[in-house]
Each structure stands twice: as structure tokens, then as C-alpha cells.
Amino acid sequence: MWNDMFIAGVSYGEKAARTIIVYLALLIMLRIVGKRGLAQLNTFDLVVMLLLSNVVQNAVIGNDNSVSGGVFGAAVLLLTDAVLVRQGARRPWFARLLEGTPTVLAQDGVLNIPAMRRQGISRGDVALAVHTQGGDSIGETELVQLEPSGAVLVRLREGDQFADKADVAALRALLERIEARLPTER
């Protein structure tokens, strides 16, 4: 047992190639599945992710159960990810290729049903995102957009937005001007 702990059963070159191939294959499959899978991790998504990690484990490590082989595979995986992320940061076209582009789910209060179907997003999902981000209904939105990360961006129409710090400051200034015009009590 102790003898096999640090002796790799698969060559490091093969392990690096396996790791990179599986990483790229998963990246492609996740892009095909769409952004919906990344939007919210519910119970079903968690089960899929756990099973997926177990399924690809053997493809990455082969017959190698050594500590050094596992650490090497993890290092190759993290290095591959870091290289691709940095390339995406330097080259916008590469980032779009890796991550995709935003998808408009609703504009000016009108749902984009074909885009929602393509992404596997329901009316309820959009309504929940609107409510979570301060709106009462989809009709109040200027834009609802599914980002490549799976996050849903909601931009409410100007009249339907909550007050922000600038609004409060403007109201304070107006109140001070009104109070300045009122006669003072003695």
C-alpha cells in the first residue's frame, strides 16, 4: 500500500493529455447544454455535477490511484483553466468562444419566448429573477438578460426602480430647500 502511494500508474505525459482532453470536452458539453445549467444549482444539478465528476475521474487518472498522480492531474487541470481564463481576458473573441454571449430573455416588458426555450428558461424563472431584483412584474422591465455565467441581469424601467443613493440625496436637497422657505417658529 505505502509503495503505491507516490508511484504513478500512468505516465505524466498521458495524464496531462487525458486531463486537458477531458477538460476541453466538458467545456464543450457545458456550452452545448447552455447557460441554464449554470444559472442555479438546484438539487438535480448538484446530483448531475457529482455524478459527472465521478464519471470523468477515470478518464483523467486512468488506473493511477497514487497521491502524486492525483496532485499532478489537479495541477494540470488548474493550469489549463488558468491559461484559458487569461487568454479570454486578453482576447474578447476567445472569451466569447469559451463563455458565450448574453441572451436577451425579455425586452421592454415582453418575453423573448424563442430565446427562453433555447436556454431552457421558464416564465417562472424570469419572474423569479425580476422579483429577486426588485421588480413586481416582467412588464416593469427594460431588459432581462441571461449572462454567460448563468446569472440573470434585470434592468427595470426608470420609473419602476427602487431609489438609490443619488435619489435620496436629491430628495434631501429638495427637502432642505422647502424647509428654508417655510417660516420659522418662535
N, C-alpha and C. Protein backbone atom coordinates (compact mmCIF):
# COMPACT_ATOMS: atom_id res chain seq x y z
N MET A 1 0.82 -1.20 0.00
CA MET A 1 0.00 0.00 0.00
C MET A 1 0.86 1.26 0.00
N TRP A 2 1.81 1.35 0.92
CA TRP A 2 2.65 2.55 1.01
C TRP A 2 3.53 2.70 -0.23
N ASN A 3 3.90 1.59 -0.85
CA ASN A 3 4.75 1.65 -2.04
C ASN A 3 4.04 2.31 -3.21
N ASP A 4 2.72 2.10 -3.32
CA ASP A 4 1.96 2.63 -4.45
C ASP A 4 1.45 4.05 -4.23
N MET A 5 1.66 4.57 -3.03
CA MET A 5 1.08 5.88 -2.72
C MET A 5 1.63 6.99 -3.62
N PHE A 6 2.90 6.94 -3.93
CA PHE A 6 3.50 8.02 -4.71
C PHE A 6 4.02 7.56 -6.07
N ILE A 7 3.77 6.32 -6.44
CA ILE A 7 4.22 5.82 -7.73
C ILE A 7 3.05 5.87 -8.70
N ALA A 8 3.19 6.69 -9.72
CA ALA A 8 2.11 6.88 -10.69
C ALA A 8 1.97 5.64 -11.56
N GLY A 9 0.73 5.22 -11.81
CA GLY A 9 0.45 4.07 -12.66
C GLY A 9 0.35 4.44 -14.13
N VAL A 10 0.27 5.72 -14.41
CA VAL A 10 0.15 6.23 -15.78
C VAL A 10 1.23 7.29 -15.95
N SER A 11 1.84 7.37 -17.13
CA SER A 11 2.89 8.37 -17.33
C SER A 11 2.32 9.78 -17.18
N TYR A 12 3.18 10.69 -16.76
CA TYR A 12 2.73 12.07 -16.55
C TYR A 12 2.29 12.73 -17.86
N GLY A 13 2.93 12.38 -18.95
CA GLY A 13 2.51 12.91 -20.24
C GLY A 13 1.10 12.48 -20.61
N GLU A 14 0.84 11.17 -20.40
CA GLU A 14 -0.51 10.66 -20.69
C GLU A 14 -1.53 11.30 -19.75
N LYS A 15 -1.17 11.43 -18.48
CA LYS A 15 -2.09 12.02 -17.51
C LYS A 15 -2.41 13.48 -17.88
N ALA A 16 -1.39 14.24 -18.31
CA ALA A 16 -1.61 15.63 -18.72
C ALA A 16 -2.53 15.68 -19.94
N ALA A 17 -2.27 14.81 -20.92
CA ALA A 17 -3.11 14.78 -22.12
C ALA A 17 -4.55 14.42 -21.77
N ARG A 18 -4.73 13.40 -20.93
CA ARG A 18 -6.08 12.98 -20.52
C ARG A 18 -6.82 14.13 -19.84
N THR A 19 -6.13 14.80 -18.93
CA THR A 19 -6.75 15.89 -18.17
C THR A 19 -7.19 17.02 -19.10
N ILE A 20 -6.33 17.42 -20.00
CA ILE A 20 -6.66 18.52 -20.92
C ILE A 20 -7.80 18.12 -21.85
N ILE A 21 -7.77 16.91 -22.37
CA ILE A 21 -8.84 16.44 -23.27
C ILE A 21 -10.18 16.41 -22.55
N VAL A 22 -10.21 15.87 -21.33
CA VAL A 22 -11.46 15.80 -20.57
C VAL A 22 -11.95 17.21 -20.23
N TYR A 23 -11.03 18.10 -19.84
CA TYR A 23 -11.40 19.48 -19.52
C TYR A 23 -12.07 20.14 -20.73
N LEU A 24 -11.42 20.04 -21.88
CA LEU A 24 -11.97 20.67 -23.09
C LEU A 24 -13.29 20.03 -23.50
N ALA A 25 -13.40 18.72 -23.37
CA ALA A 25 -14.66 18.03 -23.71
C ALA A 25 -15.79 18.49 -22.80
N LEU A 26 -15.52 18.61 -21.50
CA LEU A 26 -16.54 19.10 -20.57
C LEU A 26 -16.92 20.54 -20.88
N LEU A 27 -15.94 21.35 -21.22
CA LEU A 27 -16.20 22.75 -21.57
C LEU A 27 -17.14 22.82 -22.77
N ILE A 28 -16.88 22.02 -23.78
CA ILE A 28 -17.73 21.99 -24.98
C ILE A 28 -19.13 21.49 -24.63
N MET A 29 -19.21 20.43 -23.83
CA MET A 29 -20.53 19.89 -23.46
C MET A 29 -21.34 20.90 -22.64
N LEU A 30 -20.68 21.61 -21.72
CA LEU A 30 -21.40 22.61 -20.93
C LEU A 30 -21.87 23.77 -21.80
N ARG A 31 -21.10 24.13 -22.81
CA ARG A 31 -21.53 25.19 -23.75
C ARG A 31 -22.74 24.72 -24.54
N ILE A 32 -22.76 23.44 -24.93
CA ILE A 32 -23.88 22.90 -25.70
C ILE A 32 -25.13 22.84 -24.84
N VAL A 33 -24.98 22.42 -23.59
CA VAL A 33 -26.13 22.32 -22.68
C VAL A 33 -26.74 23.70 -22.45
N GLY A 34 -25.93 24.73 -22.43
CA GLY A 34 -26.45 26.08 -22.29
C GLY A 34 -26.20 26.68 -20.92
N LYS A 35 -26.59 27.96 -20.83
CA LYS A 35 -26.34 28.73 -19.62
C LYS A 35 -27.25 28.34 -18.48
N ARG A 36 -28.39 27.78 -18.80
CA ARG A 36 -29.38 27.43 -17.78
C ARG A 36 -28.78 26.53 -16.71
N GLY A 37 -27.93 25.61 -17.13
CA GLY A 37 -27.31 24.69 -16.19
C GLY A 37 -26.41 25.39 -15.19
N LEU A 38 -25.94 26.58 -15.55
CA LEU A 38 -25.06 27.33 -14.67
C LEU A 38 -25.83 28.34 -13.82
N ALA A 39 -27.06 28.64 -14.22
CA ALA A 39 -27.80 29.72 -13.58
C ALA A 39 -28.08 29.46 -12.11
N GLN A 40 -28.59 28.31 -11.80
CA GLN A 40 -28.94 28.00 -10.42
C GLN A 40 -28.61 26.54 -10.17
N LEU A 41 -27.93 26.29 -9.10
CA LEU A 41 -27.58 24.92 -8.76
C LEU A 41 -28.65 24.36 -7.84
N ASN A 42 -29.64 23.68 -8.44
CA ASN A 42 -30.67 23.05 -7.61
C ASN A 42 -30.24 21.62 -7.30
N THR A 43 -31.10 20.87 -6.64
CA THR A 43 -30.76 19.51 -6.21
C THR A 43 -30.39 18.63 -7.39
N PHE A 44 -31.16 18.71 -8.48
CA PHE A 44 -30.89 17.88 -9.65
C PHE A 44 -29.54 18.23 -10.27
N ASP A 45 -29.26 19.54 -10.36
CA ASP A 45 -27.99 19.97 -10.93
C ASP A 45 -26.82 19.50 -10.08
N LEU A 46 -26.99 19.53 -8.76
CA LEU A 46 -25.93 19.07 -7.86
C LEU A 46 -25.66 17.58 -8.08
N VAL A 47 -26.71 16.79 -8.19
CA VAL A 47 -26.56 15.35 -8.43
C VAL A 47 -25.83 15.12 -9.75
N VAL A 48 -26.21 15.86 -10.79
CA VAL A 48 -25.55 15.71 -12.10
C VAL A 48 -24.07 16.07 -11.99
N MET A 49 -23.76 17.16 -11.30
CA MET A 49 -22.36 17.58 -11.18
C MET A 49 -21.53 16.54 -10.41
N LEU A 50 -22.11 15.99 -9.34
CA LEU A 50 -21.39 14.97 -8.58
C LEU A 50 -21.16 13.72 -9.42
N LEU A 51 -22.19 13.28 -10.13
CA LEU A 51 -22.04 12.10 -10.99
C LEU A 51 -21.07 12.37 -12.13
N LEU A 52 -21.13 13.57 -12.69
CA LEU A 52 -20.24 13.94 -13.78
C LEU A 52 -18.78 13.88 -13.32
N SER A 53 -18.51 14.39 -12.13
CA SER A 53 -17.13 14.35 -11.64
C SER A 53 -16.66 12.91 -11.44
N ASN A 54 -17.55 12.05 -10.99
CA ASN A 54 -17.19 10.65 -10.80
C ASN A 54 -16.98 9.94 -12.14
N VAL A 55 -17.82 10.26 -13.12
CA VAL A 55 -17.73 9.64 -14.44
C VAL A 55 -16.41 10.00 -15.12
N VAL A 56 -15.99 11.25 -15.04
CA VAL A 56 -14.78 11.67 -15.75
C VAL A 56 -13.51 11.38 -14.97
N GLN A 57 -13.64 11.02 -13.71
CA GLN A 57 -12.46 10.75 -12.88
C GLN A 57 -11.55 9.70 -13.52
N ASN A 58 -12.12 8.59 -13.93
CA ASN A 58 -11.29 7.52 -14.51
C ASN A 58 -10.69 7.93 -15.84
N ALA A 59 -11.40 8.77 -16.58
CA ALA A 59 -10.84 9.25 -17.85
C ALA A 59 -9.62 10.12 -17.60
N VAL A 60 -9.60 10.82 -16.48
CA VAL A 60 -8.47 11.69 -16.17
C VAL A 60 -7.31 10.91 -15.56
N ILE A 61 -7.59 10.06 -14.58
CA ILE A 61 -6.49 9.41 -13.86
C ILE A 61 -6.14 8.02 -14.36
N GLY A 62 -7.01 7.41 -15.16
CA GLY A 62 -6.73 6.05 -15.64
C GLY A 62 -6.66 5.08 -14.47
N ASN A 63 -5.68 4.15 -14.48
CA ASN A 63 -5.53 3.17 -13.39
C ASN A 63 -4.73 3.73 -12.24
N ASP A 64 -4.37 4.99 -12.29
CA ASP A 64 -3.47 5.59 -11.30
C ASP A 64 -4.25 6.09 -10.09
N ASN A 65 -4.00 5.48 -8.94
CA ASN A 65 -4.62 5.93 -7.69
C ASN A 65 -3.59 6.52 -6.74
N SER A 66 -2.45 6.92 -7.26
CA SER A 66 -1.39 7.46 -6.41
C SER A 66 -1.68 8.91 -6.04
N VAL A 67 -1.13 9.32 -4.92
CA VAL A 67 -1.28 10.71 -4.48
C VAL A 67 -0.59 11.64 -5.47
N SER A 68 0.62 11.29 -5.88
CA SER A 68 1.35 12.16 -6.81
C SER A 68 0.62 12.28 -8.14
N GLY A 69 0.01 11.19 -8.61
CA GLY A 69 -0.76 11.24 -9.85
C GLY A 69 -1.98 12.13 -9.72
N GLY A 70 -2.67 12.05 -8.58
CA GLY A 70 -3.84 12.90 -8.34
C GLY A 70 -3.46 14.36 -8.25
N VAL A 71 -2.38 14.65 -7.53
CA VAL A 71 -1.91 16.04 -7.40
C VAL A 71 -1.48 16.58 -8.76
N PHE A 72 -0.79 15.75 -9.54
CA PHE A 72 -0.37 16.18 -10.87
C PHE A 72 -1.58 16.47 -11.76
N GLY A 73 -2.57 15.58 -11.75
CA GLY A 73 -3.79 15.80 -12.54
C GLY A 73 -4.50 17.08 -12.13
N ALA A 74 -4.59 17.33 -10.82
CA ALA A 74 -5.23 18.55 -10.34
C ALA A 74 -4.44 19.78 -10.79
N ALA A 75 -3.11 19.70 -10.73
CA ALA A 75 -2.28 20.83 -11.15
C ALA A 75 -2.47 21.12 -12.64
N VAL A 76 -2.50 20.08 -13.46
CA VAL A 76 -2.71 20.26 -14.90
C VAL A 76 -4.09 20.89 -15.16
N LEU A 77 -5.09 20.42 -14.45
CA LEU A 77 -6.45 20.95 -14.59
C LEU A 77 -6.49 22.44 -14.24
N LEU A 78 -5.91 22.81 -13.10
CA LEU A 78 -5.90 24.22 -12.69
C LEU A 78 -5.07 25.08 -13.64
N LEU A 79 -3.95 24.56 -14.10
CA LEU A 79 -3.11 25.31 -15.04
C LEU A 79 -3.84 25.52 -16.37
N THR A 80 -4.49 24.49 -16.87
CA THR A 80 -5.25 24.61 -18.12
C THR A 80 -6.34 25.66 -17.98
N ASP A 81 -7.06 25.62 -16.86
CA ASP A 81 -8.11 26.60 -16.61
C ASP A 81 -7.53 28.01 -16.54
N ALA A 82 -6.42 28.18 -15.82
CA ALA A 82 -5.81 29.50 -15.68
C ALA A 82 -5.36 30.05 -17.04
N VAL A 83 -4.78 29.21 -17.86
CA VAL A 83 -4.32 29.65 -19.19
C VAL A 83 -5.51 30.09 -20.04
N LEU A 84 -6.57 29.30 -20.06
CA LEU A 84 -7.74 29.65 -20.88
C LEU A 84 -8.42 30.92 -20.37
N VAL A 85 -8.52 31.07 -19.05
CA VAL A 85 -9.14 32.28 -18.49
C VAL A 85 -8.32 33.51 -18.84
N ARG A 86 -7.01 33.42 -18.73
CA ARG A 86 -6.15 34.57 -19.06
C ARG A 86 -6.22 34.90 -20.56
N GLN A 87 -6.27 33.88 -21.39
CA GLN A 87 -6.40 34.14 -22.83
C GLN A 87 -7.74 34.82 -23.13
N GLY A 88 -8.78 34.39 -22.43
CA GLY A 88 -10.09 35.02 -22.60
C GLY A 88 -10.08 36.47 -22.16
N ALA A 89 -9.31 36.79 -21.12
CA ALA A 89 -9.22 38.17 -20.65
C ALA A 89 -8.46 39.04 -21.65
N ARG A 90 -7.51 38.46 -22.35
CA ARG A 90 -6.71 39.22 -23.32
C ARG A 90 -7.38 39.34 -24.69
N ARG A 91 -8.17 38.34 -25.03
CA ARG A 91 -8.77 38.29 -26.36
C ARG A 91 -10.29 38.13 -26.23
N PRO A 92 -11.04 39.21 -26.43
CA PRO A 92 -12.50 39.14 -26.27
C PRO A 92 -13.15 38.07 -27.15
N TRP A 93 -12.66 37.85 -28.35
CA TRP A 93 -13.24 36.83 -29.23
C TRP A 93 -13.07 35.44 -28.61
N PHE A 94 -11.96 35.22 -27.92
CA PHE A 94 -11.71 33.93 -27.28
C PHE A 94 -12.64 33.74 -26.08
N ALA A 95 -12.86 34.83 -25.34
CA ALA A 95 -13.79 34.77 -24.20
C ALA A 95 -15.20 34.44 -24.68
N ARG A 96 -15.62 35.07 -25.79
CA ARG A 96 -16.95 34.77 -26.36
C ARG A 96 -17.04 33.32 -26.79
N LEU A 97 -15.95 32.81 -27.37
CA LEU A 97 -15.92 31.41 -27.80
C LEU A 97 -16.04 30.47 -26.60
N LEU A 98 -15.30 30.76 -25.53
CA LEU A 98 -15.33 29.91 -24.34
C LEU A 98 -16.63 30.03 -23.55
N GLU A 99 -17.05 31.28 -23.32
CA GLU A 99 -18.15 31.52 -22.40
C GLU A 99 -19.49 31.75 -23.08
N GLY A 100 -19.46 32.19 -24.31
CA GLY A 100 -20.71 32.54 -24.99
C GLY A 100 -21.02 34.02 -24.84
N THR A 101 -22.20 34.39 -25.26
CA THR A 101 -22.64 35.79 -25.18
C THR A 101 -23.94 35.86 -24.40
N PRO A 102 -24.29 37.04 -23.90
CA PRO A 102 -25.55 37.18 -23.18
C PRO A 102 -26.74 36.88 -24.09
N THR A 103 -27.83 36.41 -23.48
CA THR A 103 -29.06 36.12 -24.19
C THR A 103 -30.17 36.99 -23.62
N VAL A 104 -30.84 37.75 -24.47
CA VAL A 104 -31.95 38.60 -24.03
C VAL A 104 -33.18 37.72 -23.83
N LEU A 105 -33.68 37.69 -22.59
CA LEU A 105 -34.86 36.89 -22.26
C LEU A 105 -36.14 37.72 -22.32
N ALA A 106 -36.01 39.02 -22.09
CA ALA A 106 -37.16 39.93 -22.18
C ALA A 106 -36.64 41.33 -22.45
N GLN A 107 -37.41 42.08 -23.24
CA GLN A 107 -37.03 43.45 -23.53
C GLN A 107 -38.29 44.30 -23.55
N ASP A 108 -38.22 45.44 -22.87
CA ASP A 108 -39.35 46.35 -22.75
C ASP A 108 -40.60 45.62 -22.27
N GLY A 109 -40.42 44.73 -21.30
CA GLY A 109 -41.54 44.03 -20.69
C GLY A 109 -42.11 42.87 -21.48
N VAL A 110 -41.51 42.55 -22.63
CA VAL A 110 -42.02 41.48 -23.49
C VAL A 110 -41.02 40.32 -23.47
N LEU A 111 -41.53 39.13 -23.14
CA LEU A 111 -40.67 37.94 -23.09
C LEU A 111 -40.20 37.53 -24.48
N ASN A 112 -38.98 37.06 -24.56
CA ASN A 112 -38.41 36.52 -25.80
C ASN A 112 -38.53 34.99 -25.69
N ILE A 113 -39.69 34.47 -26.04
CA ILE A 113 -40.00 33.05 -25.86
C ILE A 113 -39.02 32.13 -26.60
N PRO A 114 -38.67 32.41 -27.87
CA PRO A 114 -37.71 31.52 -28.55
C PRO A 114 -36.36 31.43 -27.81
N ALA A 115 -35.87 32.56 -27.32
CA ALA A 115 -34.59 32.55 -26.59
C ALA A 115 -34.74 31.80 -25.27
N MET A 116 -35.88 31.96 -24.62
CA MET A 116 -36.12 31.25 -23.36
C MET A 116 -36.15 29.74 -23.60
N ARG A 117 -36.79 29.33 -24.67
CA ARG A 117 -36.85 27.89 -24.99
C ARG A 117 -35.45 27.33 -25.27
N ARG A 118 -34.66 28.09 -26.06
CA ARG A 118 -33.30 27.63 -26.38
C ARG A 118 -32.46 27.45 -25.12
N GLN A 119 -32.68 28.30 -24.12
CA GLN A 119 -31.88 28.25 -22.90
C GLN A 119 -32.52 27.40 -21.80
N GLY A 120 -33.74 26.92 -22.04
CA GLY A 120 -34.41 26.10 -21.03
C GLY A 120 -34.88 26.91 -19.84
N ILE A 121 -35.27 28.15 -20.09
CA ILE A 121 -35.72 29.07 -19.03
C ILE A 121 -37.23 29.20 -19.11
N SER A 122 -37.90 29.07 -17.99
CA SER A 122 -39.37 29.18 -17.96
C SER A 122 -39.79 30.61 -17.61
N ARG A 123 -41.07 30.90 -17.82
CA ARG A 123 -41.63 32.21 -17.41
C ARG A 123 -41.43 32.40 -15.91
N GLY A 124 -41.61 31.32 -15.17
CA GLY A 124 -41.43 31.39 -13.72
C GLY A 124 -40.01 31.76 -13.32
N ASP A 125 -39.03 31.23 -14.06
CA ASP A 125 -37.62 31.58 -13.79
C ASP A 125 -37.39 33.07 -14.00
N VAL A 126 -37.94 33.61 -15.09
CA VAL A 126 -37.77 35.04 -15.38
C VAL A 126 -38.49 35.87 -14.33
N ALA A 127 -39.73 35.48 -13.99
CA ALA A 127 -40.49 36.22 -12.98
C ALA A 127 -39.77 36.22 -11.64
N LEU A 128 -39.19 35.08 -11.27
CA LEU A 128 -38.45 34.99 -10.01
C LEU A 128 -37.24 35.92 -10.03
N ALA A 129 -36.52 35.96 -11.14
CA ALA A 129 -35.36 36.85 -11.25
C ALA A 129 -35.79 38.31 -11.12
N VAL A 130 -36.91 38.66 -11.74
CA VAL A 130 -37.42 40.04 -11.66
C VAL A 130 -37.77 40.38 -10.22
N HIS A 131 -38.49 39.48 -9.55
CA HIS A 131 -38.88 39.72 -8.15
C HIS A 131 -37.66 39.81 -7.24
N THR A 132 -36.70 38.93 -7.46
CA THR A 132 -35.49 38.91 -6.64
C THR A 132 -34.71 40.21 -6.78
N GLN A 133 -34.78 40.83 -7.95
CA GLN A 133 -34.01 42.04 -8.19
C GLN A 133 -34.86 43.30 -8.09
N GLY A 134 -35.99 43.20 -7.38
CA GLY A 134 -36.73 44.41 -7.01
C GLY A 134 -37.94 44.75 -7.85
N GLY A 135 -38.26 43.98 -8.85
CA GLY A 135 -39.43 44.27 -9.67
C GLY A 135 -40.66 43.52 -9.20
N ASP A 136 -41.82 43.99 -9.64
CA ASP A 136 -43.07 43.32 -9.30
C ASP A 136 -43.55 42.42 -10.43
N SER A 137 -43.22 42.80 -11.67
CA SER A 137 -43.67 42.01 -12.81
C SER A 137 -42.70 42.17 -13.97
N ILE A 138 -42.80 41.25 -14.91
CA ILE A 138 -41.95 41.30 -16.10
C ILE A 138 -42.25 42.56 -16.91
N GLY A 139 -43.49 43.03 -16.84
CA GLY A 139 -43.87 44.24 -17.55
C GLY A 139 -43.11 45.48 -17.12
N GLU A 140 -42.51 45.46 -15.94
CA GLU A 140 -41.75 46.60 -15.43
C GLU A 140 -40.31 46.63 -15.95
N THR A 141 -39.93 45.63 -16.71
CA THR A 141 -38.52 45.52 -17.08
C THR A 141 -38.20 46.23 -18.39
N GLU A 142 -37.01 46.77 -18.42
CA GLU A 142 -36.46 47.31 -19.66
C GLU A 142 -35.68 46.19 -20.36
N LEU A 143 -34.98 45.37 -19.54
CA LEU A 143 -34.16 44.29 -20.08
C LEU A 143 -34.02 43.18 -19.04
N VAL A 144 -34.17 41.94 -19.49
CA VAL A 144 -33.83 40.76 -18.69
C VAL A 144 -32.88 39.95 -19.56
N GLN A 145 -31.68 39.71 -19.03
CA GLN A 145 -30.64 39.10 -19.85
C GLN A 145 -29.96 37.97 -19.08
N LEU A 146 -29.79 36.83 -19.73
CA LEU A 146 -29.06 35.70 -19.16
C LEU A 146 -27.60 35.86 -19.56
N GLU A 147 -26.75 36.03 -18.56
CA GLU A 147 -25.32 36.23 -18.80
C GLU A 147 -24.64 34.88 -19.07
N PRO A 148 -23.47 34.90 -19.70
CA PRO A 148 -22.76 33.65 -19.95
C PRO A 148 -22.46 32.85 -18.68
N SER A 149 -22.34 33.54 -17.56
CA SER A 149 -22.07 32.87 -16.28
C SER A 149 -23.29 32.15 -15.73
N GLY A 150 -24.46 32.43 -16.31
CA GLY A 150 -25.70 31.85 -15.80
C GLY A 150 -26.48 32.82 -14.93
N ALA A 151 -25.88 33.95 -14.58
CA ALA A 151 -26.57 34.96 -13.78
C ALA A 151 -27.61 35.66 -14.65
N VAL A 152 -28.71 36.08 -14.03
CA VAL A 152 -29.76 36.80 -14.76
C VAL A 152 -29.69 38.26 -14.35
N LEU A 153 -29.48 39.12 -15.33
CA LEU A 153 -29.43 40.56 -15.11
C LEU A 153 -30.80 41.14 -15.40
N VAL A 154 -31.33 41.92 -14.47
CA VAL A 154 -32.63 42.56 -14.67
C VAL A 154 -32.44 44.06 -14.58
N ARG A 155 -32.85 44.77 -15.62
CA ARG A 155 -32.83 46.23 -15.60
C ARG A 155 -34.29 46.68 -15.66
N LEU A 156 -34.74 47.32 -14.57
CA LEU A 156 -36.11 47.80 -14.51
C LEU A 156 -36.24 49.12 -15.25
N ARG A 157 -37.45 49.42 -15.72
CA ARG A 157 -37.69 50.73 -16.32
C ARG A 157 -37.43 51.79 -15.27
N GLU A 158 -37.05 52.97 -15.71
CA GLU A 158 -36.62 54.01 -14.78
C GLU A 158 -37.66 54.31 -13.70
N GLY A 159 -38.91 54.38 -14.05
CA GLY A 159 -39.95 54.70 -13.07
C GLY A 159 -40.25 53.56 -12.11
N ASP A 160 -39.80 52.36 -12.42
CA ASP A 160 -40.09 51.20 -11.58
C ASP A 160 -38.91 50.77 -10.71
N GLN A 161 -37.82 51.53 -10.77
CA GLN A 161 -36.64 51.18 -9.99
C GLN A 161 -36.78 51.67 -8.56
N PHE A 162 -36.10 50.98 -7.66
CA PHE A 162 -36.01 51.46 -6.28
C PHE A 162 -35.12 52.69 -6.25
N ALA A 163 -35.31 53.50 -5.22
CA ALA A 163 -34.48 54.68 -5.05
C ALA A 163 -33.05 54.24 -4.72
N ASP A 164 -32.09 54.98 -5.28
CA ASP A 164 -30.70 54.72 -4.93
C ASP A 164 -30.16 55.90 -4.13
N LYS A 165 -28.89 55.91 -3.82
CA LYS A 165 -28.29 56.97 -3.01
C LYS A 165 -28.45 58.34 -3.66
N ALA A 166 -28.32 58.39 -4.96
CA ALA A 166 -28.46 59.68 -5.66
C ALA A 166 -29.89 60.20 -5.53
N ASP A 167 -30.88 59.30 -5.62
CA ASP A 167 -32.28 59.71 -5.45
C ASP A 167 -32.52 60.25 -4.05
N VAL A 168 -31.99 59.58 -3.04
CA VAL A 168 -32.16 60.02 -1.65
C VAL A 168 -31.48 61.38 -1.45
N ALA A 169 -30.29 61.56 -2.00
CA ALA A 169 -29.59 62.84 -1.88
C ALA A 169 -30.38 63.96 -2.54
N ALA A 170 -30.96 63.69 -3.71
CA ALA A 170 -31.77 64.71 -4.39
C ALA A 170 -33.00 65.06 -3.57
N LEU A 171 -33.64 64.07 -2.97
CA LEU A 171 -34.81 64.34 -2.11
C LEU A 171 -34.42 65.14 -0.88
N ARG A 172 -33.27 64.84 -0.29
CA ARG A 172 -32.80 65.62 0.87
C ARG A 172 -32.59 67.08 0.49
N ALA A 173 -31.94 67.30 -0.65
CA ALA A 173 -31.69 68.67 -1.10
C ALA A 173 -33.00 69.40 -1.33
N LEU A 174 -33.97 68.74 -1.94
CA LEU A 174 -35.28 69.34 -2.17
C LEU A 174 -35.97 69.65 -0.85
N LEU A 175 -35.90 68.74 0.10
CA LEU A 175 -36.50 68.96 1.42
C LEU A 175 -35.86 70.15 2.12
N GLU A 176 -34.56 70.28 2.02
CA GLU A 176 -33.86 71.42 2.64
C GLU A 176 -34.31 72.73 2.01
N ARG A 177 -34.50 72.76 0.70
CA ARG A 177 -34.97 73.99 0.03
C ARG A 177 -36.38 74.33 0.48
N ILE A 178 -37.23 73.32 0.61
CA ILE A 178 -38.61 73.55 1.07
C ILE A 178 -38.60 74.07 2.49
N GLU A 179 -37.82 73.44 3.36
CA GLU A 179 -37.75 73.88 4.76
C GLU A 179 -37.21 75.30 4.87
N ALA A 180 -36.29 75.67 3.99
CA ALA A 180 -35.73 77.02 4.02
C ALA A 180 -36.78 78.07 3.68
N ARG A 181 -37.78 77.72 2.91
CA ARG A 181 -38.83 78.67 2.52
C ARG A 181 -39.93 78.79 3.58
N LEU A 182 -40.04 77.81 4.44
CA LEU A 182 -41.09 77.84 5.47
C LEU A 182 -40.74 78.85 6.54
N PRO A 183 -41.77 79.51 7.08
CA PRO A 183 -41.49 80.45 8.18
C PRO A 183 -41.02 79.66 9.41
N THR A 184 -40.10 80.23 10.13
CA THR A 184 -39.59 79.56 11.32
C THR A 184 -40.51 79.83 12.50
N GLU A 185 -40.65 78.86 13.38
CA GLU A 185 -41.48 79.01 14.57
C GLU A 185 -40.67 79.66 15.67
N ARG A 186 -41.36 80.44 16.52
CA ARG A 186 -40.68 81.07 17.65
C ARG A 186 -41.29 80.64 18.91
